[in-house]
Structures are given as C-alpha cells and as structure tokens.
C-alpha cells in the first residue's frame, strides 16, 4: 500500500470501504462495498434501514476525508 502512487481523486478500495457518507450534512450510511461494472463503479452504502447505490463519480462526490473517514457533500441527482 505504501508503494502505490495515486493521483488526485484516486483512492484504494480498502480506504473507501467503511467511510461514512453524508448527503446535505445528513448521515446516509457507511460504504459497505464497491461494485465494479463494465462502465462504472457503484458504492453500496448501508444504513440501518436499507442499502443505497451511489455512483462512484466525482461529479457528485465533492470531498473525501480519509482521516475523518467521511465522504461528504454527495449531491442528489435532480
């Protein structure tokens, strides 16, 4: 892991899994796993009630803080 060089907005899957995900400053849930599809990747975010599927896309993910274990400012699709 220490030998991997990552560009801006590149993260190891193991660093993303377990992050708390916030939408409009409200906790949505925690990243449970990442599903890889031919075109894109989907974050499976687990809450107490259900699972949410969130595109792993930096057009909607505005910030990730690995030290705080947070993914913030997910924007809802309008």
N, C-alpha and C. Protein backbone atom coordinates (compact mmCIF):
# COMPACT_ATOMS: atom_id res chain seq x y z
N UNK A 1 0.83 -1.19 0.00
CA UNK A 1 0.00 0.00 0.00
C UNK A 1 0.87 1.25 0.00
N UNK A 2 1.96 1.24 0.73
CA UNK A 2 2.82 2.42 0.81
C UNK A 2 3.52 2.71 -0.52
N UNK A 3 3.68 1.71 -1.36
CA UNK A 3 4.38 1.89 -2.63
C UNK A 3 3.48 2.38 -3.76
N UNK A 4 2.18 2.44 -3.53
CA UNK A 4 1.24 2.85 -4.56
C UNK A 4 1.21 4.37 -4.66
N UNK A 5 1.37 4.88 -5.88
CA UNK A 5 1.29 6.32 -6.12
C UNK A 5 -0.07 6.61 -6.73
N UNK A 6 -0.85 7.45 -6.05
CA UNK A 6 -2.19 7.77 -6.51
C UNK A 6 -2.27 9.22 -6.97
N UNK A 7 -3.06 9.45 -8.00
CA UNK A 7 -3.32 10.79 -8.50
C UNK A 7 -4.43 11.43 -7.65
N UNK A 8 -4.72 12.69 -7.91
CA UNK A 8 -5.82 13.37 -7.23
C UNK A 8 -7.12 12.62 -7.50
N UNK A 9 -7.96 12.49 -6.48
CA UNK A 9 -9.24 11.78 -6.57
C UNK A 9 -9.08 10.31 -6.93
N UNK A 10 -7.97 9.72 -6.59
CA UNK A 10 -7.77 8.28 -6.71
C UNK A 10 -7.57 7.72 -5.32
N UNK A 11 -8.30 6.66 -5.02
CA UNK A 11 -8.24 6.05 -3.70
C UNK A 11 -8.22 4.54 -3.85
N UNK A 12 -7.62 3.87 -2.90
CA UNK A 12 -7.68 2.43 -2.85
C UNK A 12 -9.06 2.02 -2.34
N UNK A 13 -9.59 0.93 -2.89
CA UNK A 13 -10.91 0.46 -2.46
C UNK A 13 -10.95 0.26 -0.95
N UNK A 14 -9.89 -0.28 -0.38
CA UNK A 14 -9.87 -0.55 1.06
C UNK A 14 -9.97 0.72 1.90
N UNK A 15 -9.59 1.86 1.32
CA UNK A 15 -9.71 3.14 2.03
C UNK A 15 -11.11 3.72 1.94
N UNK A 16 -11.85 3.38 0.90
CA UNK A 16 -13.20 3.89 0.69
C UNK A 16 -14.22 3.08 1.49
N UNK A 17 -14.02 1.77 1.54
CA UNK A 17 -14.94 0.91 2.29
C UNK A 17 -14.86 1.27 3.77
N UNK A 18 -16.01 1.54 4.36
CA UNK A 18 -16.07 1.92 5.77
C UNK A 18 -16.26 3.41 6.00
N UNK A 19 -16.15 4.22 4.94
CA UNK A 19 -16.35 5.67 5.10
C UNK A 19 -17.82 5.97 5.38
N UNK A 20 -18.07 6.94 6.25
CA UNK A 20 -19.42 7.45 6.46
C UNK A 20 -19.76 8.38 5.31
N UNK A 21 -20.97 8.25 4.77
CA UNK A 21 -21.40 9.03 3.61
C UNK A 21 -22.49 10.00 4.05
N UNK A 22 -22.30 11.27 3.70
CA UNK A 22 -23.23 12.33 4.08
C UNK A 22 -23.87 12.95 2.85
N UNK A 23 -25.17 13.20 2.93
CA UNK A 23 -25.92 13.93 1.91
C UNK A 23 -26.55 15.11 2.62
N UNK A 24 -26.26 16.32 2.16
CA UNK A 24 -26.81 17.52 2.78
C UNK A 24 -26.56 17.52 4.30
N UNK A 25 -25.34 17.17 4.70
CA UNK A 25 -24.93 17.12 6.11
C UNK A 25 -25.72 16.11 6.95
N UNK A 26 -26.41 15.19 6.29
CA UNK A 26 -27.15 14.13 6.99
C UNK A 26 -26.47 12.81 6.68
N UNK A 27 -26.20 12.01 7.71
CA UNK A 27 -25.56 10.72 7.52
C UNK A 27 -26.47 9.79 6.74
N UNK A 28 -26.03 9.37 5.57
CA UNK A 28 -26.78 8.43 4.75
C UNK A 28 -26.49 7.00 5.20
N UNK A 29 -25.23 6.70 5.46
CA UNK A 29 -24.83 5.37 5.87
C UNK A 29 -23.34 5.21 5.70
N UNK A 30 -22.90 3.98 5.64
CA UNK A 30 -21.47 3.66 5.53
C UNK A 30 -21.23 2.82 4.27
N UNK A 31 -20.12 3.12 3.59
CA UNK A 31 -19.78 2.34 2.39
C UNK A 31 -19.51 0.90 2.83
N UNK A 32 -20.31 -0.01 2.29
CA UNK A 32 -20.21 -1.42 2.64
C UNK A 32 -19.35 -2.19 1.63
N UNK A 33 -19.48 -1.81 0.36
CA UNK A 33 -18.67 -2.45 -0.69
C UNK A 33 -18.72 -1.59 -1.95
N UNK A 34 -17.85 -1.95 -2.89
CA UNK A 34 -17.81 -1.27 -4.18
C UNK A 34 -18.08 -2.32 -5.25
N UNK A 35 -19.11 -2.08 -6.05
CA UNK A 35 -19.43 -2.98 -7.16
C UNK A 35 -18.83 -2.42 -8.43
N UNK A 36 -18.10 -3.24 -9.13
CA UNK A 36 -17.45 -2.82 -10.37
C UNK A 36 -18.23 -3.36 -11.56
N UNK A 37 -18.67 -2.45 -12.41
CA UNK A 37 -19.39 -2.80 -13.62
C UNK A 37 -18.54 -2.38 -14.82
N UNK A 38 -18.91 -2.81 -15.98
CA UNK A 38 -18.08 -2.52 -17.16
C UNK A 38 -17.92 -1.04 -17.43
N UNK A 39 -18.93 -0.24 -17.12
CA UNK A 39 -18.89 1.19 -17.42
C UNK A 39 -18.48 2.02 -16.22
N UNK A 40 -18.90 1.63 -15.02
CA UNK A 40 -18.63 2.46 -13.85
C UNK A 40 -18.56 1.61 -12.58
N UNK A 41 -18.33 2.30 -11.47
CA UNK A 41 -18.31 1.65 -10.17
C UNK A 41 -19.42 2.25 -9.32
N UNK A 42 -20.02 1.41 -8.49
CA UNK A 42 -21.13 1.81 -7.63
C UNK A 42 -20.74 1.55 -6.19
N UNK A 43 -20.95 2.55 -5.33
CA UNK A 43 -20.76 2.36 -3.90
C UNK A 43 -22.06 1.83 -3.31
N UNK A 44 -21.98 0.76 -2.55
CA UNK A 44 -23.13 0.26 -1.83
C UNK A 44 -23.02 0.83 -0.42
N UNK A 45 -23.94 1.75 -0.10
CA UNK A 45 -23.93 2.45 1.19
C UNK A 45 -25.04 1.85 2.05
N UNK A 46 -24.66 1.30 3.17
CA UNK A 46 -25.61 0.62 4.04
C UNK A 46 -26.01 1.52 5.20
N UNK A 47 -27.33 1.68 5.37
CA UNK A 47 -27.86 2.40 6.53
C UNK A 47 -28.57 1.37 7.40
N UNK A 48 -29.18 1.82 8.47
CA UNK A 48 -29.94 0.90 9.32
C UNK A 48 -31.16 0.36 8.59
N UNK A 49 -31.75 1.18 7.71
CA UNK A 49 -32.99 0.79 7.04
C UNK A 49 -32.79 0.02 5.75
N UNK A 50 -31.80 0.45 4.94
CA UNK A 50 -31.64 -0.16 3.61
C UNK A 50 -30.28 0.15 3.03
N UNK A 51 -30.04 -0.36 1.84
CA UNK A 51 -28.81 -0.07 1.09
C UNK A 51 -29.12 0.97 0.02
N UNK A 52 -28.18 1.88 -0.18
CA UNK A 52 -28.27 2.88 -1.24
C UNK A 52 -27.16 2.60 -2.24
N UNK A 53 -27.46 2.80 -3.51
CA UNK A 53 -26.46 2.67 -4.57
C UNK A 53 -26.06 4.07 -5.01
N UNK A 54 -24.77 4.38 -4.85
CA UNK A 54 -24.26 5.72 -5.16
C UNK A 54 -23.19 5.58 -6.22
N UNK A 55 -23.31 6.28 -7.35
CA UNK A 55 -22.24 6.23 -8.35
C UNK A 55 -20.93 6.72 -7.76
N UNK A 56 -19.87 5.97 -8.00
CA UNK A 56 -18.53 6.38 -7.54
C UNK A 56 -17.99 7.33 -8.59
N UNK A 57 -18.43 8.58 -8.50
CA UNK A 57 -18.19 9.57 -9.54
C UNK A 57 -17.95 10.92 -8.88
N UNK A 58 -16.87 11.57 -9.25
CA UNK A 58 -16.51 12.83 -8.61
C UNK A 58 -17.27 14.03 -9.16
N UNK A 59 -18.26 13.78 -10.03
CA UNK A 59 -19.20 14.85 -10.39
C UNK A 59 -20.20 15.05 -9.26
N UNK A 60 -20.44 14.01 -8.44
CA UNK A 60 -21.38 14.13 -7.33
C UNK A 60 -20.69 14.03 -5.97
N UNK A 61 -19.55 13.39 -5.91
CA UNK A 61 -18.79 13.30 -4.66
C UNK A 61 -17.86 14.51 -4.61
N UNK A 62 -18.10 15.38 -3.65
CA UNK A 62 -17.35 16.62 -3.61
C UNK A 62 -16.15 16.59 -2.67
N UNK A 63 -16.16 15.70 -1.65
CA UNK A 63 -15.00 15.63 -0.78
C UNK A 63 -14.91 14.28 -0.08
N UNK A 64 -13.68 13.82 0.08
CA UNK A 64 -13.38 12.61 0.83
C UNK A 64 -12.28 12.96 1.81
N UNK A 65 -12.52 12.62 3.07
CA UNK A 65 -11.53 12.85 4.12
C UNK A 65 -11.22 11.50 4.76
N UNK A 66 -10.08 10.93 4.39
CA UNK A 66 -9.73 9.61 4.89
C UNK A 66 -9.40 9.62 6.38
N UNK A 67 -8.86 10.74 6.87
CA UNK A 67 -8.55 10.82 8.30
C UNK A 67 -9.82 10.81 9.15
N UNK A 68 -10.85 11.52 8.70
CA UNK A 68 -12.12 11.56 9.43
C UNK A 68 -13.04 10.40 9.03
N UNK A 69 -12.63 9.64 7.99
CA UNK A 69 -13.42 8.53 7.46
C UNK A 69 -14.80 9.02 6.99
N UNK A 70 -14.78 10.13 6.21
CA UNK A 70 -16.01 10.73 5.73
C UNK A 70 -15.98 11.02 4.23
N UNK A 71 -17.11 10.80 3.61
CA UNK A 71 -17.36 11.22 2.23
C UNK A 71 -18.51 12.19 2.35
N UNK A 72 -18.25 13.46 2.04
CA UNK A 72 -19.26 14.49 2.28
C UNK A 72 -19.74 15.13 1.00
N UNK A 73 -20.89 15.78 1.17
CA UNK A 73 -21.47 16.60 0.12
C UNK A 73 -21.82 15.81 -1.12
N UNK A 74 -22.34 14.62 -0.91
CA UNK A 74 -22.89 13.88 -2.04
C UNK A 74 -24.09 14.70 -2.52
N UNK A 75 -24.14 14.99 -3.80
CA UNK A 75 -25.23 15.77 -4.34
C UNK A 75 -26.30 14.85 -4.90
N UNK A 76 -27.52 15.10 -4.53
CA UNK A 76 -28.64 14.33 -5.08
C UNK A 76 -28.83 14.68 -6.54
N UNK A 77 -29.18 13.69 -7.32
CA UNK A 77 -29.49 13.94 -8.72
C UNK A 77 -30.84 14.64 -8.81
N UNK A 78 -30.90 15.70 -9.61
CA UNK A 78 -32.15 16.48 -9.71
C UNK A 78 -32.86 16.16 -11.00
